[in-house]
Amino acid sequence: MTLEPYVEFAKKAFAREATYRLEVFTEIGSLIVRVYLLRSVWTALYSQNIAPMNLPLHSMITYATVALLMSLILEVDGTRLIREKIREGTIATDLMKPISVPAYFFSDGFGQTGLHALLVIPSILFALLLVHIDVPSAPVFAAFLLSFAIGYLLNFFVNFVMNAIAFWTLETFAIQLIVRWVSDLLSGQIIPLTFFPGVFGRIVFALPFAAIYSTPLLIYVGVIQPHDYARYFLIQILWLALFSALSLAMWRAAARRVVIQGG
């Protein structure tokens, strides 16, 4: 499979996203407001002695800020095109094209991600006016980037599975809304999973949502130590393998369904 057409798809998606300049500035402004609000909330909560032993206030503020920066990238969902194309009836035409349609969805999302990744730079600069962000050592930061990359791929396949359900239901909004609520709570994006106690905490850490946000974030702030990296990477890779296999199986079944029903 040649990569050239998919590079072009990514470039077009990047250019398409860049045309909405007002939305770009609005997104940066929204993130800065959320950084300020989260700093205020966590400072107030920590003053009531709710802090876990291994996550002091400065680490918590760093955690919350980096989570928001990650969300600029992870909230991009290129697979929503599946639902839109099914609704418009154009998915059958796409299946006849000499390309891998799932790879097209990934390329489109990756192109959008490229612009959002650039937004991280001004967002960090503005955020530094409000909060102090701890910077880990080079090896820890490299481990964070690797974990984040695995989480990005896993997030793509989770979204792919959710949107591919539209081949059978035509609409996935309710399902995605429920999954989004659960993910926001149990991924560690809003509340670190170290706050969840006992057996429930161990269950939450084992869910795929934790592999998207919590693992890279806890590596960044030093809660996950270097001697534990291999175990957490393995969990991420296992979830990635599971959802990629599930995505492939669903796509093949969906393509057969379209062909049998004549589009």
Protein backbone atom coordinates (compact mmCIF):
# COMPACT_ATOMS: atom_id res chain seq x y z
CA MET A 1 0.00 0.00 0.00
CA THR A 2 1.49 3.31 -1.09
CA LEU A 3 1.41 6.11 1.49
CA GLU A 4 1.28 9.02 -0.96
CA PRO A 5 -2.53 9.37 -1.20
CA TYR A 6 -2.91 9.19 2.57
CA VAL A 7 -0.31 11.93 3.04
CA GLU A 8 -2.38 14.07 0.68
CA PHE A 9 -5.55 13.26 2.63
CA ALA A 10 -3.79 14.41 5.81
CA LYS A 11 -2.60 17.63 4.16
CA LYS A 12 -6.12 18.45 2.96
CA ALA A 13 -7.54 17.81 6.43
CA PHE A 14 -4.90 20.09 7.94
CA ALA A 15 -5.72 22.85 5.43
CA ARG A 16 -9.45 22.39 6.02
CA GLU A 17 -9.05 22.78 9.78
CA ALA A 18 -6.78 25.82 9.36
CA THR A 19 -9.47 27.73 7.47
CA TYR A 20 -11.54 28.06 10.64
CA ARG A 21 -9.26 30.61 12.26
CA LEU A 22 -11.82 32.01 14.68
CA GLU A 23 -12.45 28.51 15.99
CA VAL A 24 -8.70 28.04 16.46
CA PHE A 25 -8.37 31.16 18.61
CA THR A 26 -11.53 30.28 20.50
CA GLU A 27 -10.13 26.85 21.33
CA ILE A 28 -6.92 28.35 22.71
CA GLY A 29 -8.89 30.87 24.77
CA SER A 30 -11.17 28.14 26.10
CA LEU A 31 -8.18 26.05 27.17
CA ILE A 32 -6.60 28.97 29.04
CA VAL A 33 -9.84 29.61 30.92
CA ARG A 34 -10.05 25.92 31.87
CA VAL A 35 -6.43 25.96 33.10
CA TYR A 36 -7.24 28.87 35.38
CA LEU A 37 -10.44 27.24 36.66
CA LEU A 38 -8.77 23.89 37.31
CA ARG A 39 -5.91 25.57 39.15
CA SER A 40 -8.42 27.34 41.37
CA VAL A 41 -10.47 24.18 41.97
CA TRP A 42 -7.52 21.94 42.84
CA THR A 43 -5.92 24.61 45.04
CA ALA A 44 -9.18 24.89 47.00
CA LEU A 45 -9.55 21.10 47.27
CA TYR A 46 -5.97 20.57 48.38
CA SER A 47 -6.45 23.21 51.09
CA GLN A 48 -9.01 20.77 52.55
CA ASN A 49 -6.35 18.03 52.75
CA ILE A 50 -7.78 15.74 50.07
CA ALA A 51 -4.39 15.23 48.39
CA PRO A 52 -3.08 11.69 47.77
CA MET A 53 0.35 11.01 49.23
CA ASN A 54 2.17 10.73 45.88
CA LEU A 55 0.60 13.73 44.10
CA PRO A 56 1.33 17.14 45.72
CA LEU A 57 -0.43 20.30 44.56
CA HIS A 58 2.21 21.42 42.05
CA SER A 59 2.13 17.96 40.44
CA MET A 60 -1.67 18.01 40.38
CA ILE A 61 -1.71 21.37 38.59
CA THR A 62 0.87 20.06 36.12
CA TYR A 63 -1.23 16.91 35.64
CA ALA A 64 -4.41 18.91 34.95
CA THR A 65 -2.66 21.29 32.55
CA VAL A 66 -0.94 18.53 30.55
CA ALA A 67 -4.27 16.63 30.41
CA LEU A 68 -5.91 19.67 28.83
CA LEU A 69 -3.08 19.98 26.30
CA MET A 70 -3.45 16.28 25.46
CA SER A 71 -7.18 16.77 24.96
CA LEU A 72 -6.45 19.21 22.12
CA ILE A 73 -5.17 16.19 20.19
CA LEU A 74 -7.13 13.27 21.61
CA GLU A 75 -10.54 14.90 21.18
CA VAL A 76 -10.05 15.00 17.40
CA ASP A 77 -12.19 12.20 15.96
CA GLY A 78 -11.47 11.48 12.30
CA THR A 79 -13.70 8.40 12.41
CA ARG A 80 -16.84 10.51 12.76
CA LEU A 81 -16.73 10.53 8.95
CA ILE A 82 -17.99 6.94 9.09
CA ARG A 83 -21.27 8.06 10.64
CA GLU A 84 -21.59 11.03 8.30
CA LYS A 85 -20.92 8.99 5.15
CA ILE A 86 -23.40 6.31 6.20
CA ARG A 87 -26.05 8.97 6.81
CA GLU A 88 -25.33 10.59 3.42
CA GLY A 89 -25.15 7.23 1.63
CA THR A 90 -21.67 7.84 0.19
CA ILE A 91 -19.90 5.04 2.07
CA ALA A 92 -20.65 2.53 -0.73
CA THR A 93 -18.86 4.78 -3.24
CA ASP A 94 -15.85 5.03 -0.93
CA LEU A 95 -15.66 1.24 -0.69
CA MET A 96 -15.26 1.06 -4.48
CA LYS A 97 -12.26 3.41 -4.50
CA PRO A 98 -8.74 1.89 -4.77
CA ILE A 99 -7.80 2.96 -1.24
CA SER A 100 -8.05 1.61 2.28
CA VAL A 101 -11.05 3.48 3.66
CA PRO A 102 -10.05 2.99 7.35
CA ALA A 103 -6.58 4.35 6.50
CA TYR A 104 -8.31 7.33 4.88
CA PHE A 105 -10.21 8.00 8.12
CA PHE A 106 -6.95 7.78 10.07
CA SER A 107 -5.19 10.13 7.65
CA ASP A 108 -7.99 12.67 7.83
CA GLY A 109 -7.93 12.59 11.62
CA PHE A 110 -4.13 12.77 11.65
CA GLY A 111 -4.21 15.88 9.47
CA GLN A 112 -6.64 17.54 11.87
CA THR A 113 -4.42 16.42 14.75
CA GLY A 114 -1.44 18.13 13.11
CA LEU A 115 -3.10 21.53 13.41
CA HIS A 116 -4.25 20.86 16.96
CA ALA A 117 -0.71 19.78 17.88
CA LEU A 118 0.52 23.18 16.72
CA LEU A 119 -2.05 24.78 19.02
CA VAL A 120 -0.26 23.16 21.97
CA ILE A 121 2.65 25.58 21.58
CA PRO A 122 0.76 28.89 22.08
CA SER A 123 -1.45 27.16 24.65
CA ILE A 124 1.60 26.25 26.73
CA LEU A 125 2.97 29.78 26.51
CA PHE A 126 -0.32 31.29 27.72
CA ALA A 127 -0.74 28.58 30.37
CA LEU A 128 2.68 29.42 31.80
CA LEU A 129 1.36 32.88 32.61
CA LEU A 130 -1.15 31.25 34.97
CA VAL A 131 0.52 28.09 36.31
CA HIS A 132 3.89 26.46 36.76
CA ILE A 133 4.28 23.28 34.72
CA ASP A 134 6.85 20.77 35.97
CA VAL A 135 9.20 19.47 33.28
CA PRO A 136 10.38 15.85 33.69
CA SER A 137 13.80 14.50 32.79
CA ALA A 138 14.52 13.54 29.18
CA PRO A 139 14.05 9.76 29.72
CA VAL A 140 10.74 10.31 31.53
CA PHE A 141 9.53 12.70 28.83
CA ALA A 142 10.48 10.15 26.15
CA ALA A 143 8.48 7.48 28.00
CA PHE A 144 5.56 9.92 28.22
CA LEU A 145 5.66 10.56 24.46
CA LEU A 146 5.75 6.82 23.72
CA SER A 147 2.83 6.17 26.05
CA PHE A 148 0.93 9.11 24.55
CA ALA A 149 1.51 7.77 21.02
CA ILE A 150 0.12 4.36 22.00
CA GLY A 151 -2.83 6.09 23.68
CA TYR A 152 -3.46 8.12 20.54
CA LEU A 153 -3.69 4.96 18.42
CA LEU A 154 -5.90 3.25 20.98
CA ASN A 155 -8.17 6.30 21.07
CA PHE A 156 -8.51 6.12 17.27
CA PHE A 157 -9.61 2.48 17.37
CA VAL A 158 -12.03 3.06 20.25
CA ASN A 159 -13.64 5.87 18.24
CA PHE A 160 -13.59 3.66 15.15
CA VAL A 161 -15.54 0.93 16.93
CA MET A 162 -18.07 3.43 18.28
CA ASN A 163 -18.69 5.00 14.86
CA ALA A 164 -18.70 1.69 12.98
CA ILE A 165 -21.77 0.67 14.99
CA ALA A 166 -23.63 3.09 12.69
CA PHE A 167 -23.53 0.42 9.97
CA TRP A 168 -26.14 -1.45 12.02
CA THR A 169 -27.91 1.35 13.94
CA LEU A 170 -27.47 4.31 11.50
CA GLU A 171 -27.09 6.64 14.52
CA THR A 172 -24.50 6.38 17.30
CA PHE A 173 -24.93 9.69 19.14
CA ALA A 174 -26.46 8.20 22.30
CA ILE A 175 -23.86 5.42 22.51
CA GLN A 176 -20.99 7.84 21.97
CA LEU A 177 -22.38 10.26 24.53
CA ILE A 178 -22.48 7.53 27.19
CA VAL A 179 -18.99 6.32 26.29
CA ARG A 180 -17.72 9.92 26.35
CA TRP A 181 -19.10 10.50 29.85
CA VAL A 182 -17.63 7.24 31.12
CA SER A 183 -14.31 7.95 29.42
CA ASP A 184 -14.05 11.49 30.83
CA LEU A 185 -14.55 10.13 34.35
CA LEU A 186 -12.57 6.89 34.16
CA SER A 187 -9.72 7.84 31.82
CA GLY A 188 -7.97 10.09 34.32
CA GLN A 189 -8.49 13.13 32.12
CA ILE A 190 -10.39 15.06 34.82
CA ILE A 191 -9.62 13.21 38.05
CA PRO A 192 -6.39 11.20 38.52
CA LEU A 193 -7.20 7.53 38.93
CA THR A 194 -5.01 7.44 42.05
CA PHE A 195 -7.95 9.14 43.79
CA PHE A 196 -10.07 6.00 43.36
CA PRO A 197 -9.63 3.66 46.34
CA GLY A 198 -9.18 -0.09 46.74
CA VAL A 199 -10.68 -2.63 44.38
CA PHE A 200 -12.55 0.01 42.38
CA GLY A 201 -9.28 1.81 41.73
CA ARG A 202 -7.64 -1.39 40.44
CA ILE A 203 -10.61 -2.05 38.15
CA VAL A 204 -10.51 1.48 36.74
CA PHE A 205 -6.76 1.21 36.07
CA ALA A 206 -7.39 -1.97 34.07
CA LEU A 207 -9.93 -0.35 31.71
CA PRO A 208 -8.91 0.79 28.21
CA PHE A 209 -9.77 4.42 29.03
CA ALA A 210 -6.90 4.54 31.54
CA ALA A 211 -4.46 3.54 28.79
CA ILE A 212 -5.41 6.66 26.81
CA TYR A 213 -4.98 9.42 29.39
CA SER A 214 -3.99 8.11 32.81
CA THR A 215 -0.90 6.10 31.90
CA PRO A 216 0.97 8.86 30.00
CA LEU A 217 -0.08 11.48 32.57
CA LEU A 218 1.06 9.44 35.56
CA ILE A 219 4.35 8.76 33.79
CA TYR A 220 4.77 12.50 33.23
CA VAL A 221 4.24 13.47 36.88
CA GLY A 222 6.34 10.59 38.18
CA VAL A 223 3.64 8.50 39.88
CA ILE A 224 4.50 5.59 37.56
CA GLN A 225 8.16 4.87 38.18
CA PRO A 226 10.62 3.72 35.47
CA HIS A 227 10.72 0.14 36.80
CA ASP A 228 6.94 -0.07 36.15
CA TYR A 229 7.03 1.32 32.61
CA ALA A 230 7.17 -2.08 30.91
CA ARG A 231 4.05 -3.31 32.73
CA TYR A 232 1.99 -0.25 31.84
CA PHE A 233 3.24 -0.22 28.24
CA LEU A 234 2.22 -3.88 27.95
CA ILE A 235 -1.30 -3.08 29.18
CA GLN A 236 -1.57 -0.27 26.64
CA ILE A 237 -0.34 -2.51 23.81
CA LEU A 238 -2.74 -5.30 24.75
CA TRP A 239 -5.71 -2.90 24.65
CA LEU A 240 -4.41 -1.49 21.35
CA ALA A 241 -4.17 -4.98 19.85
CA LEU A 242 -7.67 -5.88 21.08
CA PHE A 243 -9.39 -2.78 19.71
CA SER A 244 -7.48 -2.85 16.42
CA ALA A 245 -8.58 -6.48 15.92
CA LEU A 246 -12.15 -5.58 16.88
CA SER A 247 -12.08 -2.63 14.46
CA LEU A 248 -10.85 -4.86 11.63
CA ALA A 249 -13.54 -7.48 12.32
CA MET A 250 -16.30 -4.86 12.46
CA TRP A 251 -15.10 -3.18 9.27
CA ARG A 252 -15.05 -6.44 7.33
CA ALA A 253 -18.53 -7.33 8.56
CA ALA A 254 -19.78 -3.84 7.73
CA ALA A 255 -18.28 -3.91 4.23
CA ARG A 256 -19.95 -7.26 3.53
CA ARG A 257 -23.22 -5.81 4.82
CA VAL A 258 -23.00 -2.86 2.41
CA VAL A 259 -22.15 -5.12 -0.54
CA ILE A 260 -24.93 -7.62 0.22
CA GLN A 261 -27.52 -4.85 0.57
CA GLY A 262 -26.24 -3.12 -2.55
CA GLY A 263 -25.04 0.02 -0.76
